[in-house]
Protein backbone atom coordinates (compact mmCIF):
# COMPACT_ATOMS: atom_id res chain seq x y z
CA MET A 1 0.00 0.00 0.00
CA SER A 2 1.30 3.38 -0.96
CA GLY A 3 2.42 5.85 1.67
CA PHE A 4 -0.33 8.24 0.60
CA ARG A 5 -3.04 5.59 1.15
CA GLN A 6 -1.69 4.71 4.59
CA GLU A 7 -1.67 8.35 5.60
CA GLU A 8 -5.30 8.73 4.41
CA LEU A 9 -6.45 5.71 6.43
CA SER A 10 -4.63 7.04 9.47
CA ILE A 11 -6.44 10.38 9.18
CA GLN A 12 -9.82 8.63 8.83
CA LYS A 13 -9.19 6.57 12.00
CA THR A 14 -8.15 9.70 13.86
CA ASN A 15 -11.31 11.51 12.74
CA LYS A 16 -13.50 8.55 13.80
CA LYS A 17 -11.87 8.48 17.23
CA GLY A 18 -12.30 12.23 17.60
CA SER A 19 -15.93 12.04 16.53
CA MET A 20 -16.61 9.21 18.97
CA LYS A 21 -14.95 11.14 21.80
CA LYS A 22 -17.09 14.16 21.01
CA ARG A 23 -20.26 12.04 20.99
CA MET A 24 -19.29 10.43 24.32
CA ALA A 25 -18.53 13.83 25.84
CA LEU A 26 -21.84 15.17 24.61
CA LEU A 27 -23.69 12.16 26.05
CA VAL A 28 -22.00 12.58 29.45
CA CYS A 29 -22.93 16.27 29.51
CA MET A 30 -26.54 15.45 28.68
CA VAL A 31 -26.75 12.84 31.46
CA MET A 32 -25.15 15.21 33.96
CA GLY A 33 -27.51 17.98 32.92
CA MET A 34 -30.56 15.76 33.35
CA THR A 35 -29.29 14.59 36.75
CA MET A 36 -28.78 18.15 37.89
CA MET A 37 -32.27 19.12 36.72
CA ILE A 38 -33.84 16.19 38.54
CA GLY A 39 -31.78 16.94 41.64
CA CYS A 40 -32.80 20.57 41.60
CA GLY A 41 -36.44 19.60 41.20
CA ASN A 42 -36.35 17.29 44.22
CA SER A 43 -34.49 19.88 46.29
CA SER A 44 -37.06 22.56 45.52
CA GLU A 45 -39.91 20.22 46.39
CA SER A 46 -38.36 19.04 49.66
CA GLU A 47 -37.62 22.58 50.77
CA GLU A 48 -41.06 23.96 49.97
CA GLU A 49 -42.48 25.51 53.12
CA VAL A 50 -45.96 24.77 54.41
CA ALA A 51 -47.51 27.21 56.89
CA ILE A 52 -50.30 26.42 59.37
CA THR A 53 -51.96 28.60 62.01
CA LEU A 54 -52.38 27.47 65.60
CA PHE A 55 -54.89 29.11 67.95
CA ALA A 56 -54.10 28.08 71.53
CA ALA A 57 -55.14 29.09 75.03
CA LYS A 58 -52.86 31.64 76.69
CA SER A 59 -51.85 29.14 79.36
CA LEU A 60 -50.29 26.98 76.61
CA ASN A 61 -48.03 29.70 75.24
CA THR A 62 -44.70 28.60 76.72
CA VAL A 63 -45.11 24.85 76.36
CA MET A 64 -46.37 25.17 72.78
CA GLU A 65 -43.34 27.14 71.66
CA GLU A 66 -41.12 24.28 72.86
CA LEU A 67 -43.38 21.68 71.26
CA ILE A 68 -43.30 23.54 67.94
CA GLN A 69 -39.49 23.53 68.02
CA LEU A 70 -39.51 19.81 68.80
CA TYR A 71 -41.93 19.10 65.95
CA ASN A 72 -39.80 21.11 63.53
CA GLU A 73 -36.77 18.93 64.25
CA THR A 74 -38.38 16.22 62.11
CA ASN A 75 -40.66 18.50 60.08
CA PRO A 76 -38.46 21.51 59.25
CA ASN A 77 -40.60 22.63 56.31
CA VAL A 78 -43.77 23.14 58.38
CA LYS A 79 -44.01 26.67 59.71
CA ILE A 80 -46.43 26.88 62.64
CA VAL A 81 -47.68 30.37 63.49
CA GLY A 82 -49.08 30.49 67.03
CA SER A 83 -51.73 32.90 68.28
CA TYR A 84 -52.38 32.83 72.04
CA ASP A 85 -55.32 34.33 73.94
CA SER A 86 -58.30 33.27 76.01
CA SER A 87 -60.12 30.29 74.51
CA GLY A 88 -63.33 32.32 74.32
CA THR A 89 -61.68 35.09 72.32
CA LEU A 90 -60.04 32.61 69.94
CA MET A 91 -63.30 30.70 69.48
CA THR A 92 -65.08 33.92 68.51
CA GLN A 93 -62.34 34.79 66.01
CA ILE A 94 -62.71 31.38 64.36
CA GLU A 95 -66.49 31.76 64.19
CA GLU A 96 -66.02 35.16 62.56
CA GLY A 97 -63.90 33.63 59.81
CA ALA A 98 -60.31 33.91 61.03
CA ALA A 99 -58.07 31.42 59.23
CA CYS A 100 -57.14 28.71 61.72
CA ASP A 101 -55.85 25.18 61.18
CA VAL A 102 -55.51 23.88 64.76
CA PHE A 103 -57.41 24.98 67.88
CA PHE A 104 -56.14 24.03 71.35
CA SER A 105 -58.67 25.11 73.97
CA ALA A 106 -58.35 25.34 77.76
CA ALA A 107 -61.91 24.05 78.17
CA GLN A 108 -64.43 21.78 76.50
CA LYS A 109 -67.08 24.52 76.21
CA GLN A 110 -65.35 26.44 73.43
CA MET A 111 -64.43 23.27 71.53
CA ASP A 112 -68.00 21.96 71.88
CA GLN A 113 -69.30 25.20 70.37
CA LEU A 114 -67.02 24.93 67.32
CA ASP A 115 -67.54 21.19 66.99
CA LEU A 116 -71.15 20.44 67.91
CA GLU A 117 -72.81 23.78 67.18
CA ASP A 118 -70.78 25.30 64.34
CA GLY A 119 -69.53 22.14 62.63
CA LEU A 120 -66.05 23.60 62.20
CA VAL A 121 -64.00 20.68 63.56
CA GLU A 122 -62.57 18.12 61.15
CA GLU A 123 -64.10 14.75 61.98
CA GLY A 124 -61.85 12.34 63.89
CA THR A 125 -59.25 14.96 64.88
CA ARG A 126 -60.53 16.00 68.33
CA TYR A 127 -58.59 14.74 71.35
CA ASN A 128 -58.39 15.49 75.07
CA VAL A 129 -54.72 16.23 75.67
CA VAL A 130 -54.01 17.45 79.22
CA ASN A 131 -55.63 18.28 82.55
CA ASN A 132 -54.75 21.34 84.63
CA GLN A 133 -55.60 22.64 88.11
CA VAL A 134 -56.79 26.01 89.34
CA CYS A 135 -54.57 27.64 91.97
CA VAL A 136 -54.96 30.63 94.25
CA VAL A 137 -51.66 32.55 94.13
CA THR A 138 -50.04 35.61 95.63
CA TRP A 139 -46.76 37.39 94.97
CA LYS A 140 -43.72 36.25 96.89
CA GLY A 141 -43.37 38.20 100.12
CA SER A 142 -46.89 39.67 100.01
CA GLY A 143 -47.63 38.71 103.61
CA THR A 144 -51.27 38.14 102.64
CA GLU A 145 -53.77 36.79 105.13
CA VAL A 146 -55.46 34.82 102.37
CA THR A 147 -55.00 31.06 102.63
CA GLY A 148 -57.03 30.00 99.63
CA LEU A 149 -60.32 30.24 97.78
CA SER A 150 -62.58 30.43 100.83
CA ASP A 151 -61.05 33.59 102.27
CA MET A 152 -59.98 35.49 99.15
CA GLY A 153 -62.12 38.36 100.42
CA LYS A 154 -59.37 39.20 102.91
CA ALA A 155 -57.21 40.49 100.05
CA ASP A 156 -56.96 44.19 99.22
CA SER A 157 -57.49 43.31 95.56
CA ILE A 158 -57.93 40.26 93.36
CA ALA A 159 -56.93 39.56 89.75
CA LEU A 160 -59.68 37.44 88.19
CA ALA A 161 -60.42 36.47 84.61
CA ASP A 162 -63.94 37.12 83.38
CA GLY A 163 -66.37 34.25 82.93
CA SER A 164 -65.73 33.81 79.20
CA VAL A 165 -62.16 32.79 80.04
CA PRO A 166 -61.92 29.14 81.16
CA VAL A 167 -59.94 29.87 84.36
CA GLY A 168 -62.56 32.50 85.25
CA LYS A 169 -65.34 29.98 84.63
CA TYR A 170 -63.63 27.28 86.70
CA THR A 171 -63.08 29.75 89.56
CA ARG A 172 -66.75 30.65 89.55
CA GLN A 173 -67.70 26.95 89.45
CA ALA A 174 -65.49 26.29 92.46
CA MET A 175 -67.08 29.16 94.37
CA VAL A 176 -70.56 27.84 93.55
CA ASN A 177 -69.65 24.33 94.71
CA ALA A 178 -68.05 25.76 97.87
CA GLY A 179 -71.28 27.64 98.67
CA MET A 180 -69.68 31.05 98.10
CA LEU A 181 -71.84 31.92 95.08
CA GLU A 182 -75.41 31.09 94.13
CA ALA A 183 -75.80 28.40 91.50
CA ALA A 184 -76.37 29.37 87.86
CA ASP A 185 -77.29 27.41 84.74
CA ASP A 186 -74.09 28.71 83.16
CA VAL A 187 -71.53 29.88 85.72
CA SER A 188 -69.57 31.70 83.03
CA THR A 189 -72.35 34.30 82.96
CA ILE A 190 -71.89 35.24 86.63
CA PRO A 191 -70.70 38.89 86.53
CA THR A 192 -67.44 39.89 88.16
CA GLU A 193 -69.39 42.39 90.28
CA THR A 194 -71.42 39.50 91.73
CA VAL A 195 -68.20 37.70 92.64
CA SER A 196 -66.93 40.86 94.32
CA GLN A 197 -70.10 41.19 96.38
CA ALA A 198 -69.87 37.54 97.45
CA LEU A 199 -66.37 38.26 98.72
CA GLY A 200 -67.43 41.27 100.76
CA GLY A 201 -66.99 43.93 98.10
CA VAL A 202 -63.28 43.34 97.48
CA GLU A 203 -61.78 45.17 94.48
CA ILE A 204 -61.44 42.89 91.47
CA ASN A 205 -59.22 43.53 88.47
CA GLU A 206 -61.10 41.78 85.65
CA CYS A 207 -58.51 40.29 83.29
CA ALA A 208 -58.88 39.24 79.67
CA ASN A 209 -56.89 36.01 80.00
CA VAL A 210 -55.02 33.90 82.51
CA GLY A 211 -51.65 35.33 81.45
CA ALA A 212 -52.83 38.79 82.47
CA VAL A 213 -53.89 37.43 85.88
CA ALA A 214 -50.50 35.80 86.47
CA ALA A 215 -48.69 38.99 85.45
CA ALA A 216 -50.85 41.22 87.65
CA VAL A 217 -50.15 39.11 90.73
CA ALA A 218 -46.48 38.45 89.97
CA GLU A 219 -45.75 42.18 89.68
CA GLY A 220 -47.73 42.95 92.86
CA SER A 221 -50.51 44.92 91.20
CA ASN A 222 -53.04 42.62 92.85
CA GLU A 223 -52.62 40.73 96.10
CA VAL A 224 -54.05 37.40 94.96
CA GLY A 225 -55.51 35.78 91.87
CA THR A 226 -56.55 32.46 90.35
CA VAL A 227 -54.44 30.88 87.62
CA TYR A 228 -53.66 27.38 86.42
CA TYR A 229 -50.89 25.35 88.01
CA SER A 230 -49.06 25.38 84.66
CA ASP A 231 -49.03 29.20 84.72
CA THR A 232 -46.76 29.15 87.75
CA TYR A 233 -44.03 27.47 85.68
CA GLY A 234 -41.13 29.88 85.30
CA LEU A 235 -42.59 32.21 87.94
CA GLU A 236 -41.65 30.13 90.96
CA ASP A 237 -39.47 32.95 92.31
CA ARG A 238 -42.32 35.49 91.95
CA LEU A 239 -45.50 33.56 92.71
CA GLU A 240 -46.51 31.63 95.81
CA ILE A 241 -49.26 29.01 95.58
CA LEU A 242 -51.70 29.44 98.46
CA GLU A 243 -54.05 26.63 97.44
CA MET A 244 -54.42 24.13 94.64
CA VAL A 245 -58.18 24.07 94.30
CA SER A 246 -59.66 20.56 94.44
CA TYR A 247 -61.09 18.97 91.31
CA ASP A 248 -64.14 18.26 93.50
CA LEU A 249 -64.85 22.00 93.31
CA THR A 250 -63.78 22.86 89.76
CA GLY A 251 -64.28 19.59 87.93
CA ASN A 252 -61.57 18.40 85.56
CA VAL A 253 -59.81 21.15 83.62
CA ILE A 254 -59.47 19.32 80.32
CA TYR A 255 -57.71 20.88 77.30
CA PRO A 256 -58.98 19.52 73.96
CA VAL A 257 -57.28 19.99 70.60
CA ALA A 258 -58.66 19.59 67.07
CA GLN A 259 -58.03 20.40 63.45
CA ILE A 260 -60.31 23.20 62.25
CA LYS A 261 -61.94 23.27 58.83
CA ASN A 262 -60.08 25.93 56.87
CA GLY A 263 -61.33 26.56 53.37
CA GLU A 264 -58.22 28.59 52.57
CA ALA A 265 -55.82 25.74 53.39
CA SER A 266 -54.14 23.75 50.62
CA LYS A 267 -54.11 19.95 50.64
CA GLU A 268 -50.54 20.04 51.96
CA GLU A 269 -51.43 22.51 54.73
CA ALA A 270 -54.42 20.44 55.81
CA ALA A 271 -52.24 17.32 55.97
CA ALA A 272 -49.63 19.18 58.04
CA ALA A 273 -52.31 20.41 60.46
CA LYS A 274 -53.60 16.88 60.99
CA ASP A 275 -50.07 15.58 61.49
CA PHE A 276 -49.34 18.28 64.09
CA VAL A 277 -52.49 17.37 66.03
CA GLU A 278 -51.33 13.72 66.06
CA PHE A 279 -47.94 14.85 67.33
CA LEU A 280 -49.55 16.69 70.26
CA ILE A 281 -51.02 13.43 71.60
CA SER A 282 -47.79 11.46 71.16
CA GLU A 283 -45.74 10.07 74.03
CA GLU A 284 -42.94 12.44 73.07
CA ALA A 285 -45.21 15.45 73.50
CA LYS A 286 -46.60 14.14 76.79
CA LEU A 287 -43.15 14.32 78.37
CA VAL A 288 -42.90 17.99 77.45
CA PHE A 289 -46.36 18.76 78.84
CA GLN A 290 -45.42 17.06 82.11
CA ASN A 291 -42.30 19.23 82.40
CA TYR A 292 -44.59 22.28 82.30
CA CYS A 293 -46.82 21.04 85.16
CA PHE A 294 -49.62 19.62 83.00
CA ASP A 295 -51.30 16.31 83.86
CA THR A 296 -51.35 14.03 80.81
CA ASP A 297 -53.37 11.25 82.47
CA VAL A 298 -56.61 12.03 80.61
CA GLU A 299 -59.13 10.02 78.64
């Protein structure tokens, strides 16, 4: 074979090799590009944030913030926005159309209204979570003569939630059962002025929620008040418990939770709300509630 022919064949082989290398390089780039696109798609989906709104009783404020952090350790993409106030106020807001995904009440009355009367609770998502106990408290070093519920009238002033607030209702129920107030079909309707008269005309600072009662007593604005046992958590150096009022007088102080029907919620948000409710009745959550002085032995 002539030298010219050999050189031509050599060039053709070189061109074929170069062309094959180019095709292989192009194929690798295409595969890498597709992999990156798929990877980016999964990353975007996994990092997509879902937001749900929690309405919870004021007495749950501190413990719920810890529980939300704990839940987010395994569900980092669920943003839970908490709103804390008296259960009566929150119930009214929900009835008036406020967007809410989970309601955690300090009493059955408000949950019954939303569930049985208004039909706003998602079926199968209502649970009794914790029990609490009403306490008569004073500020540390007050030197009060008050020893408990029966002689609260000895105080110069009392911080007391109104009857629409669960702790105010339970206090009134205890006073009725102790013979300090006349019975009523609905004790929550007993005016604060009537309570004052029953206690000898003592000055009463009517508070909008249990947090306001605890603050008023802790800072010494009022000599005594009634709060939940859980509200004394973190205020041990400022509040003194004079009496833990018997369940025989108040009845059980059950806190129910439920998912609320929210027409504005997406399918993902509704699923997250249901999952968060399930988390709140888990054994892991119970340990946290117990650390904050709640009783988790409920049915």
